[in-house]
PDB file of all heavy atoms in Angstrom:
ATOM      1  N   GLY A   1    -112.265 -17.216 127.193  1.00  0.00           N
ATOM      2  CA  GLY A   1    -113.337 -17.374 128.168  1.00  0.00           C
ATOM      3  C   GLY A   1    -113.218 -16.439 129.354  1.00  0.00           C
ATOM      4  O   GLY A   1    -114.112 -16.394 130.211  1.00  0.00           O
ATOM      5  N   GLY A   2    -112.133 -15.694 129.435  1.00  0.00           N
ATOM      6  CA  GLY A   2    -111.962 -14.740 130.525  1.00  0.00           C
ATOM      7  C   GLY A   2    -111.328 -15.346 131.755  1.00  0.00           C
ATOM      8  O   GLY A   2    -110.896 -16.501 131.765  1.00  0.00           O
ATOM      9  N   LEU A   3    -111.301 -14.562 132.820  1.00  0.00           N
ATOM     10  CA  LEU A   3    -110.551 -14.918 134.025  1.00  0.00           C
ATOM     11  C   LEU A   3    -111.454 -14.842 135.242  1.00  0.00           C
ATOM     12  O   LEU A   3    -112.056 -13.793 135.524  1.00  0.00           O
ATOM     13  CB  LEU A   3    -109.369 -13.948 134.184  1.00  0.00           C
ATOM     14  CG  LEU A   3    -108.395 -14.192 135.323  1.00  0.00           C
ATOM     15  CD1 LEU A   3    -107.745 -15.561 135.194  1.00  0.00           C
ATOM     16  CD2 LEU A   3    -107.336 -13.097 135.340  1.00  0.00           C
ATOM     17  N   ARG A   4    -111.545 -15.942 135.968  1.00  0.00           N
ATOM     18  CA  ARG A   4    -112.364 -15.989 137.181  1.00  0.00           C
ATOM     19  C   ARG A   4    -111.524 -15.510 138.363  1.00  0.00           C
ATOM     20  O   ARG A   4    -111.015 -16.298 139.148  1.00  0.00           O
ATOM     21  CB  ARG A   4    -112.880 -17.411 137.428  1.00  0.00           C
ATOM     22  CG  ARG A   4    -113.616 -18.063 136.253  1.00  0.00           C
ATOM     23  CD  ARG A   4    -114.990 -17.445 136.028  1.00  0.00           C
ATOM     24  NE  ARG A   4    -114.903 -16.134 135.425  1.00  0.00           N
ATOM     25  CZ  ARG A   4    -114.706 -15.906 134.124  1.00  0.00           C
ATOM     26  NH1 ARG A   4    -114.509 -16.893 133.300  1.00  0.00           N
ATOM     27  NH2 ARG A   4    -114.687 -14.652 133.661  1.00  0.00           N
ATOM     28  N   ALA A   5    -111.355 -14.212 138.434  1.00  0.00           N
ATOM     29  CA  ALA A   5    -110.514 -13.609 139.467  1.00  0.00           C
ATOM     30  C   ALA A   5    -110.766 -12.112 139.500  1.00  0.00           C
ATOM     31  O   ALA A   5    -111.356 -11.539 138.579  1.00  0.00           O
ATOM     32  CB  ALA A   5    -109.036 -13.879 139.178  1.00  0.00           C
ATOM     33  N   VAL A   6    -110.278 -11.504 140.582  1.00  0.00           N
ATOM     34  CA  VAL A   6    -110.166 -10.051 140.627  1.00  0.00           C
ATOM     35  C   VAL A   6    -108.780  -9.701 140.094  1.00  0.00           C
ATOM     36  O   VAL A   6    -107.770 -10.134 140.650  1.00  0.00           O
ATOM     37  CB  VAL A   6    -110.327  -9.510 142.055  1.00  0.00           C
ATOM     38  CG1 VAL A   6    -110.040  -8.004 142.095  1.00  0.00           C
ATOM     39  CG2 VAL A   6    -111.740  -9.767 142.564  1.00  0.00           C
ATOM     40  N   VAL A   7    -108.743  -8.964 139.012  1.00  0.00           N
ATOM     41  CA  VAL A   7    -107.486  -8.505 138.460  1.00  0.00           C
ATOM     42  C   VAL A   7    -107.128  -7.178 139.120  1.00  0.00           C
ATOM     43  O   VAL A   7    -107.944  -6.246 139.139  1.00  0.00           O
ATOM     44  CB  VAL A   7    -107.578  -8.324 136.938  1.00  0.00           C
ATOM     45  CG1 VAL A   7    -106.331  -7.628 136.390  1.00  0.00           C
ATOM     46  CG2 VAL A   7    -107.767  -9.676 136.259  1.00  0.00           C
ATOM     47  N   VAL A   8    -105.944  -7.111 139.699  1.00  0.00           N
ATOM     48  CA  VAL A   8    -105.471  -5.881 140.334  1.00  0.00           C
ATOM     49  C   VAL A   8    -104.474  -5.223 139.395  1.00  0.00           C
ATOM     50  O   VAL A   8    -103.435  -5.811 139.065  1.00  0.00           O
ATOM     51  CB  VAL A   8    -104.814  -6.163 141.699  1.00  0.00           C
ATOM     52  CG1 VAL A   8    -104.295  -4.862 142.310  1.00  0.00           C
ATOM     53  CG2 VAL A   8    -105.812  -6.833 142.635  1.00  0.00           C
ATOM     54  N   ARG A   9    -104.801  -4.025 138.961  1.00  0.00           N
ATOM     55  CA  ARG A   9    -103.925  -3.296 138.040  1.00  0.00           C
ATOM     56  C   ARG A   9    -103.501  -1.991 138.693  1.00  0.00           C
ATOM     57  O   ARG A   9    -104.338  -1.177 139.087  1.00  0.00           O
ATOM     58  CB  ARG A   9    -104.648  -3.022 136.719  1.00  0.00           C
ATOM     59  CG  ARG A   9    -103.716  -2.592 135.579  1.00  0.00           C
ATOM     60  CD  ARG A   9    -104.475  -2.670 134.257  1.00  0.00           C
ATOM     61  NE  ARG A   9    -103.576  -2.593 133.118  1.00  0.00           N
ATOM     62  CZ  ARG A   9    -103.385  -1.503 132.390  1.00  0.00           C
ATOM     63  NH1 ARG A   9    -104.020  -0.379 132.701  1.00  0.00           N
ATOM     64  NH2 ARG A   9    -102.572  -1.518 131.350  1.00  0.00           N
ATOM     65  N   MET A  10    -102.219  -1.820 138.819  1.00  0.00           N
ATOM     66  CA  MET A  10    -101.672  -0.664 139.511  1.00  0.00           C
ATOM     67  C   MET A  10    -101.462   0.478 138.529  1.00  0.00           C
ATOM     68  O   MET A  10    -100.936   0.280 137.429  1.00  0.00           O
ATOM     69  CB  MET A  10    -100.350  -1.025 140.178  1.00  0.00           C
ATOM     70  CG  MET A  10    -100.380  -2.350 140.916  1.00  0.00           C
ATOM     71  SD  MET A  10    -101.456  -2.322 142.336  1.00  0.00           S
ATOM     72  CE  MET A  10    -100.252  -1.849 143.564  1.00  0.00           C
ATOM     73  N   GLY A  11    -101.866   1.671 138.933  1.00  0.00           N
ATOM     74  CA  GLY A  11    -101.748   2.825 138.053  1.00  0.00           C
ATOM     75  C   GLY A  11    -100.918   3.924 138.677  1.00  0.00           C
ATOM     76  O   GLY A  11     -99.921   3.677 139.353  1.00  0.00           O
ATOM     77  N   ARG A  12    -101.341   5.159 138.447  1.00  0.00           N
ATOM     78  CA  ARG A  12    -100.624   6.299 139.004  1.00  0.00           C
ATOM     79  C   ARG A  12    -100.587   6.190 140.525  1.00  0.00           C
ATOM     80  O   ARG A  12    -101.537   5.750 141.158  1.00  0.00           O
ATOM     81  CB  ARG A  12    -101.313   7.590 138.594  1.00  0.00           C
ATOM     82  CG  ARG A  12    -101.222   7.877 137.105  1.00  0.00           C
ATOM     83  CD  ARG A  12    -101.892   9.184 136.747  1.00  0.00           C
ATOM     84  NE  ARG A  12    -101.790   9.465 135.317  1.00  0.00           N
ATOM     85  CZ  ARG A  12    -102.331  10.515 134.736  1.00  0.00           C
ATOM     86  NH1 ARG A  12    -103.024  11.388 135.446  1.00  0.00           N
ATOM     87  NH2 ARG A  12    -102.180  10.696 133.428  1.00  0.00           N
ATOM     88  N   GLY A  13     -99.485   6.608 141.074  1.00  0.00           N
ATOM     89  CA  GLY A  13     -99.273   6.446 142.504  1.00  0.00           C
ATOM     90  C   GLY A  13     -98.389   5.246 142.790  1.00  0.00           C
ATOM     91  O   GLY A  13     -97.831   5.118 143.887  1.00  0.00           O
ATOM     92  N   PHE A  14     -98.264   4.366 141.795  1.00  0.00           N
ATOM     93  CA  PHE A  14     -97.399   3.193 141.948  1.00  0.00           C
ATOM     94  C   PHE A  14     -96.315   3.174 140.875  1.00  0.00           C
ATOM     95  O   PHE A  14     -95.753   2.124 140.570  1.00  0.00           O
ATOM     96  CB  PHE A  14     -98.223   1.903 141.860  1.00  0.00           C
ATOM     97  CG  PHE A  14     -99.195   1.733 142.990  1.00  0.00           C
ATOM     98  CD1 PHE A  14    -100.515   2.162 142.863  1.00  0.00           C
ATOM     99  CD2 PHE A  14     -98.804   1.160 144.187  1.00  0.00           C
ATOM    100  CE1 PHE A  14    -101.421   2.008 143.901  1.00  0.00           C
ATOM    101  CE2 PHE A  14     -99.703   1.003 145.235  1.00  0.00           C
ATOM    102  CZ  PHE A  14    -101.022   1.432 145.092  1.00  0.00           C
ATOM    103  N   ASN A  15     -96.050   4.325 140.269  1.00  0.00           N
ATOM    104  CA  ASN A  15     -95.065   4.369 139.184  1.00  0.00           C
ATOM    105  C   ASN A  15     -93.900   5.314 139.462  1.00  0.00           C
ATOM    106  O   ASN A  15     -93.176   5.713 138.556  1.00  0.00           O
ATOM    107  CB  ASN A  15     -95.733   4.744 137.857  1.00  0.00           C
ATOM    108  CG  ASN A  15     -96.383   6.120 137.897  1.00  0.00           C
ATOM    109  OD1 ASN A  15     -96.456   6.750 138.949  1.00  0.00           O
ATOM    110  ND2 ASN A  15     -96.855   6.589 136.762  1.00  0.00           N
ATOM    111  N   GLY A  16     -93.706   5.673 140.731  1.00  0.00           N
ATOM    112  CA  GLY A  16     -92.615   6.568 141.090  1.00  0.00           C
ATOM    113  C   GLY A  16     -91.252   5.889 140.988  1.00  0.00           C
ATOM    114  O   GLY A  16     -91.136   4.660 141.071  1.00  0.00           O
ATOM    115  N   ILE A  17     -90.220   6.700 140.781  1.00  0.00           N
ATOM    116  CA  ILE A  17     -88.844   6.210 140.707  1.00  0.00           C
ATOM    117  C   ILE A  17     -87.976   7.090 141.594  1.00  0.00           C
ATOM    118  O   ILE A  17     -87.936   8.313 141.398  1.00  0.00           O
ATOM    119  CB  ILE A  17     -88.302   6.241 139.261  1.00  0.00           C
ATOM    120  CG1 ILE A  17     -89.204   5.429 138.324  1.00  0.00           C
ATOM    121  CG2 ILE A  17     -86.867   5.710 139.216  1.00  0.00           C
ATOM    122  CD1 ILE A  17     -88.864   5.603 136.856  1.00  0.00           C
ATOM    123  N   GLU A  18     -87.326   6.495 142.577  1.00  0.00           N
ATOM    124  CA  GLU A  18     -86.460   7.244 143.488  1.00  0.00           C
ATOM    125  C   GLU A  18     -85.017   6.766 143.325  1.00  0.00           C
ATOM    126  O   GLU A  18     -84.761   5.567 143.251  1.00  0.00           O
ATOM    127  CB  GLU A  18     -86.913   7.058 144.940  1.00  0.00           C
ATOM    128  CG  GLU A  18     -88.310   7.599 145.215  1.00  0.00           C
ATOM    129  CD  GLU A  18     -88.722   7.409 146.660  1.00  0.00           C
ATOM    130  OE1 GLU A  18     -87.888   6.901 147.454  1.00  0.00           O
ATOM    131  OE2 GLU A  18     -89.860   7.753 147.004  1.00  0.00           O
ATOM    132  N   ILE A  19     -84.097   7.725 143.268  1.00  0.00           N
ATOM    133  CA  ILE A  19     -82.691   7.423 143.036  1.00  0.00           C
ATOM    134  C   ILE A  19     -81.851   7.868 144.228  1.00  0.00           C
ATOM    135  O   ILE A  19     -81.972   8.994 144.695  1.00  0.00           O
ATOM    136  CB  ILE A  19     -82.157   8.150 141.778  1.00  0.00           C
ATOM    137  CG1 ILE A  19     -83.054   7.881 140.563  1.00  0.00           C
ATOM    138  CG2 ILE A  19     -80.710   7.780 141.518  1.00  0.00           C
ATOM    139  CD1 ILE A  19     -82.919   6.539 139.951  1.00  0.00           C
ATOM    140  N   ASP A  20     -81.016   6.972 144.714  1.00  0.00           N
ATOM    141  CA  ASP A  20     -79.981   7.314 145.677  1.00  0.00           C
ATOM    142  C   ASP A  20     -78.647   7.061 144.975  1.00  0.00           C
ATOM    143  O   ASP A  20     -78.083   5.966 145.035  1.00  0.00           O
ATOM    144  CB  ASP A  20     -80.110   6.458 146.941  1.00  0.00           C
ATOM    145  CG  ASP A  20     -79.102   6.840 148.017  1.00  0.00           C
ATOM    146  OD1 ASP A  20     -78.108   7.525 147.690  1.00  0.00           O
ATOM    147  OD2 ASP A  20     -79.287   6.437 149.181  1.00  0.00           O
ATOM    148  N   ALA A  21     -78.172   8.090 144.269  1.00  0.00           N
ATOM    149  CA  ALA A  21     -76.984   7.926 143.433  1.00  0.00           C
ATOM    150  C   ALA A  21     -75.758   7.564 144.251  1.00  0.00           C
ATOM    151  O   ALA A  21     -74.907   6.779 143.813  1.00  0.00           O
ATOM    152  CB  ALA A  21     -76.738   9.202 142.632  1.00  0.00           C
ATOM    153  N   GLU A  22     -75.650   8.138 145.445  1.00  0.00           N
ATOM    154  CA  GLU A  22     -74.476   7.879 146.276  1.00  0.00           C
ATOM    155  C   GLU A  22     -74.392   6.406 146.668  1.00  0.00           C
ATOM    156  O   GLU A  22     -73.323   5.792 146.636  1.00  0.00           O
ATOM    157  CB  GLU A  22     -74.518   8.749 147.535  1.00  0.00           C
ATOM    158  CG  GLU A  22     -73.267   8.676 148.386  1.00  0.00           C
ATOM    159  CD  GLU A  22     -72.019   9.180 147.667  1.00  0.00           C
ATOM    160  OE1 GLU A  22     -72.153  10.068 146.797  1.00  0.00           O
ATOM    161  OE2 GLU A  22     -70.927   8.667 147.962  1.00  0.00           O
ATOM    162  N   ALA A  23     -75.538   5.839 147.019  1.00  0.00           N
ATOM    163  CA  ALA A  23     -75.574   4.427 147.431  1.00  0.00           C
ATOM    164  C   ALA A  23     -75.720   3.482 146.239  1.00  0.00           C
ATOM    165  O   ALA A  23     -75.608   2.256 146.404  1.00  0.00           O
ATOM    166  CB  ALA A  23     -76.720   4.200 148.412  1.00  0.00           C
ATOM    167  N   GLY A  24     -75.998   4.029 145.052  1.00  0.00           N
ATOM    168  CA  GLY A  24     -76.207   3.186 143.877  1.00  0.00           C
ATOM    169  C   GLY A  24     -77.511   2.420 143.934  1.00  0.00           C
ATOM    170  O   GLY A  24     -77.613   1.317 143.390  1.00  0.00           O
ATOM    171  N   ARG A  25     -78.520   3.015 144.581  1.00  0.00           N
ATOM    172  CA  ARG A  25     -79.806   2.339 144.747  1.00  0.00           C
ATOM    173  C   ARG A  25     -80.899   3.022 143.911  1.00  0.00           C
ATOM    174  O   ARG A  25     -80.970   4.249 143.849  1.00  0.00           O
ATOM    175  CB  ARG A  25     -80.226   2.340 146.221  1.00  0.00           C
ATOM    176  CG  ARG A  25     -79.330   1.501 147.144  1.00  0.00           C
ATOM    177  CD  ARG A  25     -79.622   0.022 146.973  1.00  0.00           C
ATOM    178  NE  ARG A  25     -78.740  -0.838 147.744  1.00  0.00           N
ATOM    179  CZ  ARG A  25     -79.031  -1.315 148.959  1.00  0.00           C
ATOM    180  NH1 ARG A  25     -80.153  -0.955 149.559  1.00  0.00           N
ATOM    181  NH2 ARG A  25     -78.187  -2.131 149.570  1.00  0.00           N
ATOM    182  N   VAL A  26     -81.753   2.205 143.306  1.00  0.00           N
ATOM    183  CA  VAL A  26     -82.911   2.688 142.553  1.00  0.00           C
ATOM    184  C   VAL A  26     -84.138   1.960 143.082  1.00  0.00           C
ATOM    185  O   VAL A  26     -84.184   0.722 143.082  1.00  0.00           O
ATOM    186  CB  VAL A  26     -82.755   2.421 141.042  1.00  0.00           C
ATOM    187  CG1 VAL A  26     -83.995   2.900 140.287  1.00  0.00           C
ATOM    188  CG2 VAL A  26     -81.502   3.103 140.499  1.00  0.00           C
ATOM    189  N   THR A  27     -85.123   2.731 143.535  1.00  0.00           N
ATOM    190  CA  THR A  27     -86.385   2.151 144.011  1.00  0.00           C
ATOM    191  C   THR A  27     -87.499   2.591 143.065  1.00  0.00           C
ATOM    192  O   THR A  27     -87.676   3.787 142.830  1.00  0.00           O
ATOM    193  CB  THR A  27     -86.702   2.592 145.443  1.00  0.00           C
ATOM    194  OG1 THR A  27     -85.664   2.123 146.317  1.00  0.00           O
ATOM    195  CG2 THR A  27     -88.036   2.013 145.903  1.00  0.00           C
ATOM    196  N   ALA A  28     -88.211   1.608 142.511  1.00  0.00           N
ATOM    197  CA  ALA A  28     -89.235   1.904 141.512  1.00  0.00           C
ATOM    198  C   ALA A  28     -90.558   1.278 141.904  1.00  0.00           C
ATOM    199  O   ALA A  28     -90.614   0.148 142.401  1.00  0.00           O
ATOM    200  CB  ALA A  28     -88.802   1.384 140.143  1.00  0.00           C
ATOM    201  N   GLY A  29     -91.633   2.016 141.670  1.00  0.00           N
ATOM    202  CA  GLY A  29     -92.964   1.476 141.880  1.00  0.00           C
ATOM    203  C   GLY A  29     -93.273   0.391 140.875  1.00  0.00           C
ATOM    204  O   GLY A  29     -92.695   0.331 139.778  1.00  0.00           O
ATOM    205  N   VAL A  30     -94.196  -0.472 141.234  1.00  0.00           N
ATOM    206  CA  VAL A  30     -94.515  -1.641 140.427  1.00  0.00           C
ATOM    207  C   VAL A  30     -94.988  -1.265 139.028  1.00  0.00           C
ATOM    208  O   VAL A  30     -94.782  -2.010 138.065  1.00  0.00           O
ATOM    209  CB  VAL A  30     -95.581  -2.492 141.145  1.00  0.00           C
ATOM    210  CG1 VAL A  30     -96.886  -1.733 141.289  1.00  0.00           C
ATOM    211  CG2 VAL A  30     -95.824  -3.811 140.461  1.00  0.00           C
ATOM    212  N   ALA A  31     -95.608  -0.082 138.885  1.00  0.00           N
ATOM    213  CA  ALA A  31     -96.146   0.326 137.586  1.00  0.00           C
ATOM    214  C   ALA A  31     -95.162   1.149 136.768  1.00  0.00           C
ATOM    215  O   ALA A  31     -95.476   1.558 135.648  1.00  0.00           O
ATOM    216  CB  ALA A  31     -97.442   1.106 137.778  1.00  0.00           C
ATOM    217  N   ALA A  32     -93.971   1.404 137.299  1.00  0.00           N
ATOM    218  CA  ALA A  32     -92.962   2.138 136.533  1.00  0.00           C
ATOM    219  C   ALA A  32     -92.498   1.282 135.362  1.00  0.00           C
ATOM    220  O   ALA A  32     -92.176   0.101 135.528  1.00  0.00           O
ATOM    221  CB  ALA A  32     -91.779   2.499 137.421  1.00  0.00           C
TER     222      ALA A  32
END
């Protein structure tokens, strides 16, 4: 029957991946 809502779908611009190897940290966009 479908969904009575606004579906928010994240695309390009939200799929980046940043690495801080020294600190052991990985930051990723929601769409990665």
